[in-house]
Amino acid sequence: EAAAFRKEQGADVEPLERMNLRVENPNLEGVNLGALPG
């Protein structure tokens, strides 16, 4: 029961991750970061 509970809790609280990205969308050329869609 304890193991199942920990699994349930872990599924609800996702840890934060880092992701390095390369800008390839041509619609983002010259866009300010504050106006970045999404």
PDB file of all heavy atoms in Angstrom:
ATOM      1  N   GLU A   1       0.835  -1.203   0.000  1.00  0.00           N
ATOM      2  CA  GLU A   1       0.000   0.000   0.000  1.00  0.00           C
ATOM      3  C   GLU A   1       0.874   1.259   0.000  1.00  0.00           C
ATOM      4  O   GLU A   1       0.576   2.241  -0.685  1.00  0.00           O
ATOM      5  CB  GLU A   1      -0.904   0.006   1.229  1.00  0.00           C
ATOM      6  CG  GLU A   1      -1.938  -1.091   1.267  1.00  0.00           C
ATOM      7  CD  GLU A   1      -3.131  -0.820   0.374  1.00  0.00           C
ATOM      8  OE1 GLU A   1      -3.633   0.319   0.396  1.00  0.00           O
ATOM      9  OE2 GLU A   1      -3.548  -1.733  -0.353  1.00  0.00           O
ATOM     10  N   ALA A   2       1.965   1.238   0.789  1.00  0.00           N
ATOM     11  CA  ALA A   2       2.871   2.390   0.850  1.00  0.00           C
ATOM     12  C   ALA A   2       3.539   2.629  -0.500  1.00  0.00           C
ATOM     13  O   ALA A   2       3.675   3.768  -0.955  1.00  0.00           O
ATOM     14  CB  ALA A   2       3.919   2.182   1.934  1.00  0.00           C
ATOM     15  N   ALA A   3       3.955   1.541  -1.164  1.00  0.00           N
ATOM     16  CA  ALA A   3       4.598   1.673  -2.476  1.00  0.00           C
ATOM     17  C   ALA A   3       3.612   2.234  -3.502  1.00  0.00           C
ATOM     18  O   ALA A   3       3.960   3.101  -4.312  1.00  0.00           O
ATOM     19  CB  ALA A   3       5.133   0.321  -2.930  1.00  0.00           C
ATOM     20  N   ALA A   4       2.369   1.748  -3.475  1.00  0.00           N
ATOM     21  CA  ALA A   4       1.349   2.242  -4.404  1.00  0.00           C
ATOM     22  C   ALA A   4       1.037   3.713  -4.142  1.00  0.00           C
ATOM     23  O   ALA A   4       0.831   4.492  -5.077  1.00  0.00           O
ATOM     24  CB  ALA A   4       0.073   1.407  -4.273  1.00  0.00           C
ATOM     25  N   PHE A   5       1.026   4.093  -2.878  1.00  0.00           N
ATOM     26  CA  PHE A   5       0.749   5.485  -2.520  1.00  0.00           C
ATOM     27  C   PHE A   5       1.847   6.407  -3.046  1.00  0.00           C
ATOM     28  O   PHE A   5       1.557   7.467  -3.605  1.00  0.00           O
ATOM     29  CB  PHE A   5       0.637   5.612  -1.002  1.00  0.00           C
ATOM     30  CG  PHE A   5       0.321   7.003  -0.530  1.00  0.00           C
ATOM     31  CD1 PHE A   5      -0.982   7.461  -0.512  1.00  0.00           C
ATOM     32  CD2 PHE A   5       1.325   7.855  -0.101  1.00  0.00           C
ATOM     33  CE1 PHE A   5      -1.285   8.753  -0.081  1.00  0.00           C
ATOM     34  CE2 PHE A   5       1.043   9.147   0.332  1.00  0.00           C
ATOM     35  CZ  PHE A   5      -0.272   9.585   0.345  1.00  0.00           C
ATOM     36  N   ARG A   6       3.095   5.996  -2.863  1.00  0.00           N
ATOM     37  CA  ARG A   6       4.210   6.821  -3.360  1.00  0.00           C
ATOM     38  C   ARG A   6       4.149   6.966  -4.877  1.00  0.00           C
ATOM     39  O   ARG A   6       4.450   8.024  -5.423  1.00  0.00           O
ATOM     40  CB  ARG A   6       5.545   6.211  -2.933  1.00  0.00           C
ATOM     41  CG  ARG A   6       5.870   6.394  -1.457  1.00  0.00           C
ATOM     42  CD  ARG A   6       7.311   6.036  -1.157  1.00  0.00           C
ATOM     43  NE  ARG A   6       7.546   4.610  -1.320  1.00  0.00           N
ATOM     44  CZ  ARG A   6       7.405   3.706  -0.356  1.00  0.00           C
ATOM     45  NH1 ARG A   6       7.012   4.088   0.855  1.00  0.00           N
ATOM     46  NH2 ARG A   6       7.649   2.433  -0.572  1.00  0.00           N
ATOM     47  N   LYS A   7       3.740   5.901  -5.551  1.00  0.00           N
ATOM     48  CA  LYS A   7       3.614   5.953  -7.012  1.00  0.00           C
ATOM     49  C   LYS A   7       2.522   6.936  -7.428  1.00  0.00           C
ATOM     50  O   LYS A   7       2.690   7.719  -8.363  1.00  0.00           O
ATOM     51  CB  LYS A   7       3.307   4.556  -7.548  1.00  0.00           C
ATOM     52  CG  LYS A   7       3.322   4.471  -9.068  1.00  0.00           C
ATOM     53  CD  LYS A   7       3.111   3.037  -9.546  1.00  0.00           C
ATOM     54  CE  LYS A   7       3.145   2.966 -11.068  1.00  0.00           C
ATOM     55  NZ  LYS A   7       2.933   1.576 -11.541  1.00  0.00           N
ATOM     56  N   GLU A   8       1.377   6.909  -6.698  1.00  0.00           N
ATOM     57  CA  GLU A   8       0.279   7.842  -6.982  1.00  0.00           C
ATOM     58  C   GLU A   8       0.725   9.282  -6.783  1.00  0.00           C
ATOM     59  O   GLU A   8       0.427  10.157  -7.602  1.00  0.00           O
ATOM     60  CB  GLU A   8      -0.905   7.560  -6.057  1.00  0.00           C
ATOM     61  CG  GLU A   8      -1.634   6.260  -6.359  1.00  0.00           C
ATOM     62  CD  GLU A   8      -2.681   5.963  -5.303  1.00  0.00           C
ATOM     63  OE1 GLU A   8      -2.971   6.868  -4.488  1.00  0.00           O
ATOM     64  OE2 GLU A   8      -3.198   4.833  -5.275  1.00  0.00           O
ATOM     65  N   GLN A   9       1.435   9.532  -5.679  1.00  0.00           N
ATOM     66  CA  GLN A   9       1.882  10.891  -5.401  1.00  0.00           C
ATOM     67  C   GLN A   9       2.862  11.373  -6.445  1.00  0.00           C
ATOM     68  O   GLN A   9       2.821  12.515  -6.887  1.00  0.00           O
ATOM     69  CB  GLN A   9       2.538  10.957  -4.013  1.00  0.00           C
ATOM     70  CG  GLN A   9       1.580  10.702  -2.873  1.00  0.00           C
ATOM     71  CD  GLN A   9       0.522  11.768  -2.765  1.00  0.00           C
ATOM     72  OE1 GLN A   9       0.823  12.950  -2.694  1.00  0.00           O
ATOM     73  NE2 GLN A   9      -0.737  11.360  -2.759  1.00  0.00           N
ATOM     74  N   GLY A  10       3.765  10.489  -6.855  1.00  0.00           N
ATOM     75  CA  GLY A  10       4.757  10.861  -7.854  1.00  0.00           C
ATOM     76  C   GLY A  10       4.134  11.168  -9.198  1.00  0.00           C
ATOM     77  O   GLY A  10       4.620  12.016  -9.957  1.00  0.00           O
ATOM     78  N   ALA A  11       3.002  10.485  -9.485  1.00  0.00           N
ATOM     79  CA  ALA A  11       2.335  10.727 -10.763  1.00  0.00           C
ATOM     80  C   ALA A  11       1.665  12.089 -10.799  1.00  0.00           C
ATOM     81  O   ALA A  11       1.473  12.672 -11.856  1.00  0.00           O
ATOM     82  CB  ALA A  11       1.291   9.633 -11.008  1.00  0.00           C
ATOM     83  N   ASP A  12       1.301  12.629  -9.625  1.00  0.00           N
ATOM     84  CA  ASP A  12       0.584  13.903  -9.580  1.00  0.00           C
ATOM     85  C   ASP A  12       1.520  15.107  -9.532  1.00  0.00           C
ATOM     86  O   ASP A  12       1.129  16.205  -9.861  1.00  0.00           O
ATOM     87  CB  ASP A  12      -0.334  13.939  -8.350  1.00  0.00           C
ATOM     88  CG  ASP A  12      -1.551  13.052  -8.538  1.00  0.00           C
ATOM     89  OD1 ASP A  12      -1.877  12.757  -9.699  1.00  0.00           O
ATOM     90  OD2 ASP A  12      -2.155  12.651  -7.525  1.00  0.00           O
ATOM     91  N   VAL A  13       2.737  14.899  -9.053  1.00  0.00           N
ATOM     92  CA  VAL A  13       3.665  16.018  -8.897  1.00  0.00           C
ATOM     93  C   VAL A  13       4.880  15.771  -9.782  1.00  0.00           C
ATOM     94  O   VAL A  13       5.764  15.000  -9.443  1.00  0.00           O
ATOM     95  CB  VAL A  13       4.107  16.178  -7.425  1.00  0.00           C
ATOM     96  CG1 VAL A  13       5.015  17.386  -7.298  1.00  0.00           C
ATOM     97  CG2 VAL A  13       2.896  16.299  -6.515  1.00  0.00           C
ATOM     98  N   GLU A  14       4.891  16.395 -10.948  1.00  0.00           N
ATOM     99  CA  GLU A  14       5.994  16.200 -11.875  1.00  0.00           C
ATOM    100  C   GLU A  14       7.180  17.070 -11.481  1.00  0.00           C
ATOM    101  O   GLU A  14       7.012  18.256 -11.181  1.00  0.00           O
ATOM    102  CB  GLU A  14       5.547  16.560 -13.290  1.00  0.00           C
ATOM    103  CG  GLU A  14       4.622  15.548 -13.934  1.00  0.00           C
ATOM    104  CD  GLU A  14       4.461  15.831 -15.418  1.00  0.00           C
ATOM    105  OE1 GLU A  14       5.448  15.689 -16.163  1.00  0.00           O
ATOM    106  OE2 GLU A  14       3.363  16.226 -15.816  1.00  0.00           O
ATOM    107  N   PRO A  15       8.385  16.507 -11.506  1.00  0.00           N
ATOM    108  CA  PRO A  15       9.567  17.321 -11.215  1.00  0.00           C
ATOM    109  C   PRO A  15       9.867  18.259 -12.375  1.00  0.00           C
ATOM    110  O   PRO A  15       9.458  18.027 -13.514  1.00  0.00           O
ATOM    111  CB  PRO A  15      10.673  16.263 -11.061  1.00  0.00           C
ATOM    112  CG  PRO A  15      10.216  15.109 -11.890  1.00  0.00           C
ATOM    113  CD  PRO A  15       8.710  15.098 -11.776  1.00  0.00           C
ATOM    114  N   LEU A  16      10.593  19.326 -12.078  1.00  0.00           N
ATOM    115  CA  LEU A  16      10.995  20.271 -13.112  1.00  0.00           C
ATOM    116  C   LEU A  16      12.235  19.755 -13.826  1.00  0.00           C
ATOM    117  O   LEU A  16      13.146  19.199 -13.206  1.00  0.00           O
ATOM    118  CB  LEU A  16      11.261  21.643 -12.499  1.00  0.00           C
ATOM    119  CG  LEU A  16      10.065  22.339 -11.850  1.00  0.00           C
ATOM    120  CD1 LEU A  16      10.481  23.707 -11.333  1.00  0.00           C
ATOM    121  CD2 LEU A  16       8.915  22.472 -12.820  1.00  0.00           C
ATOM    122  N   GLU A  17      12.282  19.959 -15.140  1.00  0.00           N
ATOM    123  CA  GLU A  17      13.411  19.514 -15.966  1.00  0.00           C
ATOM    124  C   GLU A  17      13.936  20.691 -16.779  1.00  0.00           C
ATOM    125  O   GLU A  17      13.294  21.737 -16.886  1.00  0.00           O
ATOM    126  CB  GLU A  17      12.962  18.389 -16.918  1.00  0.00           C
ATOM    127  CG  GLU A  17      12.262  17.223 -16.254  1.00  0.00           C
ATOM    128  CD  GLU A  17      13.209  16.313 -15.507  1.00  0.00           C
ATOM    129  OE1 GLU A  17      14.443  16.515 -15.634  1.00  0.00           O
ATOM    130  OE2 GLU A  17      12.725  15.412 -14.794  1.00  0.00           O
ATOM    131  N   ARG A  18      15.135  20.504 -17.341  1.00  0.00           N
ATOM    132  CA  ARG A  18      15.697  21.476 -18.273  1.00  0.00           C
ATOM    133  C   ARG A  18      15.699  20.874 -19.673  1.00  0.00           C
ATOM    134  O   ARG A  18      15.874  19.670 -19.840  1.00  0.00           O
ATOM    135  CB  ARG A  18      17.135  21.840 -17.899  1.00  0.00           C
ATOM    136  CG  ARG A  18      17.297  22.510 -16.536  1.00  0.00           C
ATOM    137  CD  ARG A  18      18.743  22.965 -16.358  1.00  0.00           C
ATOM    138  NE  ARG A  18      18.975  23.537 -15.052  1.00  0.00           N
ATOM    139  CZ  ARG A  18      19.454  22.867 -14.008  1.00  0.00           C
ATOM    140  NH1 ARG A  18      19.746  21.587 -14.136  1.00  0.00           N
ATOM    141  NH2 ARG A  18      19.651  23.465 -12.858  1.00  0.00           N
ATOM    142  N   MET A  19      15.523  21.724 -20.683  1.00  0.00           N
ATOM    143  CA  MET A  19      15.598  21.261 -22.069  1.00  0.00           C
ATOM    144  C   MET A  19      16.289  22.329 -22.906  1.00  0.00           C
ATOM    145  O   MET A  19      15.887  23.500 -22.888  1.00  0.00           O
ATOM    146  CB  MET A  19      14.192  20.971 -22.616  1.00  0.00           C
ATOM    147  CG  MET A  19      14.192  20.441 -24.058  1.00  0.00           C
ATOM    148  SD  MET A  19      12.520  20.073 -24.694  1.00  0.00           S
ATOM    149  CE  MET A  19      12.177  18.536 -23.829  1.00  0.00           C
ATOM    150  N   ASN A  20      17.350  21.927 -23.619  1.00  0.00           N
ATOM    151  CA  ASN A  20      18.051  22.826 -24.535  1.00  0.00           C
ATOM    152  C   ASN A  20      17.409  22.705 -25.918  1.00  0.00           C
ATOM    153  O   ASN A  20      17.264  21.596 -26.453  1.00  0.00           O
ATOM    154  CB  ASN A  20      19.529  22.444 -24.610  1.00  0.00           C
ATOM    155  CG  ASN A  20      20.241  22.716 -23.294  1.00  0.00           C
ATOM    156  OD1 ASN A  20      20.603  23.837 -22.997  1.00  0.00           O
ATOM    157  ND2 ASN A  20      20.425  21.659 -22.491  1.00  0.00           N
ATOM    158  N   LEU A  21      17.016  23.836 -26.481  1.00  0.00           N
ATOM    159  CA  LEU A  21      16.283  23.836 -27.746  1.00  0.00           C
ATOM    160  C   LEU A  21      16.982  24.715 -28.782  1.00  0.00           C
ATOM    161  O   LEU A  21      17.618  25.720 -28.436  1.00  0.00           O
ATOM    162  CB  LEU A  21      14.863  24.363 -27.534  1.00  0.00           C
ATOM    163  CG  LEU A  21      13.950  23.548 -26.599  1.00  0.00           C
ATOM    164  CD1 LEU A  21      12.682  24.321 -26.301  1.00  0.00           C
ATOM    165  CD2 LEU A  21      13.623  22.199 -27.234  1.00  0.00           C
ATOM    166  N   ARG A  22      16.845  24.329 -30.053  1.00  0.00           N
ATOM    167  CA  ARG A  22      17.322  25.151 -31.175  1.00  0.00           C
ATOM    168  C   ARG A  22      16.112  25.745 -31.871  1.00  0.00           C
ATOM    169  O   ARG A  22      15.147  25.033 -32.197  1.00  0.00           O
ATOM    170  CB  ARG A  22      18.128  24.317 -32.167  1.00  0.00           C
ATOM    171  CG  ARG A  22      18.756  25.134 -33.299  1.00  0.00           C
ATOM    172  CD  ARG A  22      19.684  24.260 -34.138  1.00  0.00           C
ATOM    173  NE  ARG A  22      20.374  25.056 -35.134  1.00  0.00           N
ATOM    174  CZ  ARG A  22      19.923  25.309 -36.356  1.00  0.00           C
ATOM    175  NH1 ARG A  22      18.742  24.804 -36.738  1.00  0.00           N
ATOM    176  NH2 ARG A  22      20.620  26.041 -37.201  1.00  0.00           N
ATOM    177  N   VAL A  23      16.098  27.057 -32.050  1.00  0.00           N
ATOM    178  CA  VAL A  23      14.972  27.741 -32.684  1.00  0.00           C
ATOM    179  C   VAL A  23      14.981  27.439 -34.180  1.00  0.00           C
ATOM    180  O   VAL A  23      15.921  27.789 -34.890  1.00  0.00           O
ATOM    181  CB  VAL A  23      15.045  29.270 -32.447  1.00  0.00           C
ATOM    182  CG1 VAL A  23      13.866  29.961 -33.127  1.00  0.00           C
ATOM    183  CG2 VAL A  23      15.069  29.582 -30.970  1.00  0.00           C
ATOM    184  N   GLU A  24      13.922  26.764 -34.667  1.00  0.00           N
ATOM    185  CA  GLU A  24      13.837  26.390 -36.082  1.00  0.00           C
ATOM    186  C   GLU A  24      12.558  26.878 -36.740  1.00  0.00           C
ATOM    187  O   GLU A  24      12.418  26.813 -37.959  1.00  0.00           O
ATOM    188  CB  GLU A  24      13.935  24.860 -36.215  1.00  0.00           C
ATOM    189  CG  GLU A  24      15.281  24.301 -35.767  1.00  0.00           C
ATOM    190  CD  GLU A  24      15.318  22.779 -35.822  1.00  0.00           C
ATOM    191  OE1 GLU A  24      14.224  22.166 -35.952  1.00  0.00           O
ATOM    192  OE2 GLU A  24      16.419  22.207 -35.738  1.00  0.00           O
ATOM    193  N   ASN A  25      11.630  27.364 -35.948  1.00  0.00           N
ATOM    194  CA  ASN A  25      10.361  27.848 -36.484  1.00  0.00           C
ATOM    195  C   ASN A  25      10.587  29.218 -37.147  1.00  0.00           C
ATOM    196  O   ASN A  25      10.909  30.193 -36.459  1.00  0.00           O
ATOM    197  CB  ASN A  25       9.338  27.954 -35.351  1.00  0.00           C
ATOM    198  CG  ASN A  25       7.956  28.323 -35.843  1.00  0.00           C
ATOM    199  OD1 ASN A  25       7.773  28.787 -36.965  1.00  0.00           O
ATOM    200  ND2 ASN A  25       6.965  28.135 -34.978  1.00  0.00           N
ATOM    201  N   PRO A  26      10.408  29.328 -38.462  1.00  0.00           N
ATOM    202  CA  PRO A  26      10.685  30.611 -39.139  1.00  0.00           C
ATOM    203  C   PRO A  26       9.755  31.731 -38.680  1.00  0.00           C
ATOM    204  O   PRO A  26      10.086  32.914 -38.827  1.00  0.00           O
ATOM    205  CB  PRO A  26      10.464  30.288 -40.627  1.00  0.00           C
ATOM    206  CG  PRO A  26       9.601  29.062 -40.641  1.00  0.00           C
ATOM    207  CD  PRO A  26       9.975  28.283 -39.419  1.00  0.00           C
ATOM    208  N   ASN A  27       8.607  31.384 -38.118  1.00  0.00           N
ATOM    209  CA  ASN A  27       7.683  32.415 -37.637  1.00  0.00           C
ATOM    210  C   ASN A  27       8.200  33.122 -36.384  1.00  0.00           C
ATOM    211  O   ASN A  27       7.641  34.151 -35.977  1.00  0.00           O
ATOM    212  CB  ASN A  27       6.317  31.800 -37.342  1.00  0.00           C
ATOM    213  CG  ASN A  27       5.639  31.258 -38.594  1.00  0.00           C
ATOM    214  OD1 ASN A  27       5.668  31.890 -39.639  1.00  0.00           O
ATOM    215  ND2 ASN A  27       5.063  30.057 -38.489  1.00  0.00           N
ATOM    216  N   LEU A  28       9.243  32.568 -35.762  1.00  0.00           N
ATOM    217  CA  LEU A  28       9.790  33.165 -34.540  1.00  0.00           C
ATOM    218  C   LEU A  28      10.940  34.122 -34.832  1.00  0.00           C
ATOM    219  O   LEU A  28      11.510  34.697 -33.907  1.00  0.00           O
ATOM    220  CB  LEU A  28      10.270  32.061 -33.584  1.00  0.00           C
ATOM    221  CG  LEU A  28       9.202  31.057 -33.123  1.00  0.00           C
ATOM    222  CD1 LEU A  28       9.804  30.054 -32.132  1.00  0.00           C
ATOM    223  CD2 LEU A  28       8.018  31.786 -32.482  1.00  0.00           C
ATOM    224  N   GLU A  29      11.285  34.312 -36.093  1.00  0.00           N
ATOM    225  CA  GLU A  29      12.373  35.224 -36.457  1.00  0.00           C
ATOM    226  C   GLU A  29      12.015  36.650 -36.030  1.00  0.00           C
ATOM    227  O   GLU A  29      10.987  37.199 -36.427  1.00  0.00           O
ATOM    228  CB  GLU A  29      12.623  35.169 -37.965  1.00  0.00           C
ATOM    229  CG  GLU A  29      13.675  36.148 -38.467  1.00  0.00           C
ATOM    230  CD  GLU A  29      15.069  35.840 -37.936  1.00  0.00           C
ATOM    231  OE1 GLU A  29      15.395  34.633 -37.759  1.00  0.00           O
ATOM    232  OE2 GLU A  29      15.828  36.795 -37.680  1.00  0.00           O
ATOM    233  N   GLY A  30      12.874  37.233 -35.160  1.00  0.00           N
ATOM    234  CA  GLY A  30      12.697  38.601 -34.710  1.00  0.00           C
ATOM    235  C   GLY A  30      11.641  38.799 -33.638  1.00  0.00           C
ATOM    236  O   GLY A  30      11.312  39.940 -33.303  1.00  0.00           O
ATOM    237  N   VAL A  31      11.124  37.704 -33.070  1.00  0.00           N
ATOM    238  CA  VAL A  31      10.082  37.809 -32.034  1.00  0.00           C
ATOM    239  C   VAL A  31      10.738  38.045 -30.674  1.00  0.00           C
ATOM    240  O   VAL A  31      11.734  37.400 -30.323  1.00  0.00           O
ATOM    241  CB  VAL A  31       9.217  36.530 -31.994  1.00  0.00           C
ATOM    242  CG1 VAL A  31       8.260  36.552 -30.797  1.00  0.00           C
ATOM    243  CG2 VAL A  31       8.453  36.373 -33.298  1.00  0.00           C
ATOM    244  N   ASN A  32      10.180  38.992 -29.922  1.00  0.00           N
ATOM    245  CA  ASN A  32      10.642  39.201 -28.546  1.00  0.00           C
ATOM    246  C   ASN A  32      10.226  38.019 -27.677  1.00  0.00           C
ATOM    247  O   ASN A  32       9.153  37.439 -27.859  1.00  0.00           O
ATOM    248  CB  ASN A  32      10.039  40.480 -27.954  1.00  0.00           C
ATOM    249  CG  ASN A  32      10.645  41.723 -28.565  1.00  0.00           C
ATOM    250  OD1 ASN A  32      11.709  41.673 -29.189  1.00  0.00           O
ATOM    251  ND2 ASN A  32       9.973  42.844 -28.409  1.00  0.00           N
ATOM    252  N   LEU A  33      11.088  37.696 -26.723  1.00  0.00           N
ATOM    253  CA  LEU A  33      10.815  36.543 -25.857  1.00  0.00           C
ATOM    254  C   LEU A  33       9.492  36.716 -25.115  1.00  0.00           C
ATOM    255  O   LEU A  33       8.750  35.750 -24.923  1.00  0.00           O
ATOM    256  CB  LEU A  33      11.955  36.367 -24.854  1.00  0.00           C
ATOM    257  CG  LEU A  33      11.951  35.041 -24.083  1.00  0.00           C
ATOM    258  CD1 LEU A  33      12.163  33.881 -25.017  1.00  0.00           C
ATOM    259  CD2 LEU A  33      13.032  35.051 -23.015  1.00  0.00           C
ATOM    260  N   GLY A  34       9.157  37.937 -24.716  1.00  0.00           N
ATOM    261  CA  GLY A  34       7.915  38.171 -23.985  1.00  0.00           C
ATOM    262  C   GLY A  34       6.679  37.891 -24.806  1.00  0.00           C
ATOM    263  O   GLY A  34       5.602  37.645 -24.261  1.00  0.00           O
ATOM    264  N   ALA A  35       6.835  37.927 -26.150  1.00  0.00           N
ATOM    265  CA  ALA A  35       5.698  37.680 -27.041  1.00  0.00           C
ATOM    266  C   ALA A  35       5.753  36.299 -27.675  1.00  0.00           C
ATOM    267  O   ALA A  35       5.001  36.005 -28.600  1.00  0.00           O
ATOM    268  CB  ALA A  35       5.665  38.747 -28.147  1.00  0.00           C
ATOM    269  N   LEU A  36       6.619  35.438 -27.179  1.00  0.00           N
ATOM    270  CA  LEU A  36       6.802  34.107 -27.752  1.00  0.00           C
ATOM    271  C   LEU A  36       5.531  33.273 -27.568  1.00  0.00           C
ATOM    272  O   LEU A  36       5.076  33.081 -26.442  1.00  0.00           O
ATOM    273  CB  LEU A  36       7.982  33.416 -27.082  1.00  0.00           C
ATOM    274  CG  LEU A  36       8.401  32.056 -27.650  1.00  0.00           C
ATOM    275  CD1 LEU A  36       8.857  32.217 -29.098  1.00  0.00           C
ATOM    276  CD2 LEU A  36       9.528  31.469 -26.808  1.00  0.00           C
ATOM    277  N   PRO A  37       4.925  32.782 -28.639  1.00  0.00           N
ATOM    278  CA  PRO A  37       3.681  31.997 -28.525  1.00  0.00           C
ATOM    279  C   PRO A  37       3.902  30.737 -27.677  1.00  0.00           C
ATOM    280  O   PRO A  37       4.929  30.053 -27.805  1.00  0.00           O
ATOM    281  CB  PRO A  37       3.354  31.626 -29.983  1.00  0.00           C
ATOM    282  CG  PRO A  37       4.097  32.616 -30.812  1.00  0.00           C
ATOM    283  CD  PRO A  37       5.338  32.947 -30.042  1.00  0.00           C
ATOM    284  N   GLY A  38       2.932  30.421 -26.823  1.00  0.00           N
ATOM    285  CA  GLY A  38       2.981  29.191 -26.035  1.00  0.00           C
ATOM    286  C   GLY A  38       3.797  29.256 -24.765  1.00  0.00           C
ATOM    287  O   GLY A  38       3.779  28.324 -23.957  1.00  0.00           O
TER     288      GLY A  38
END
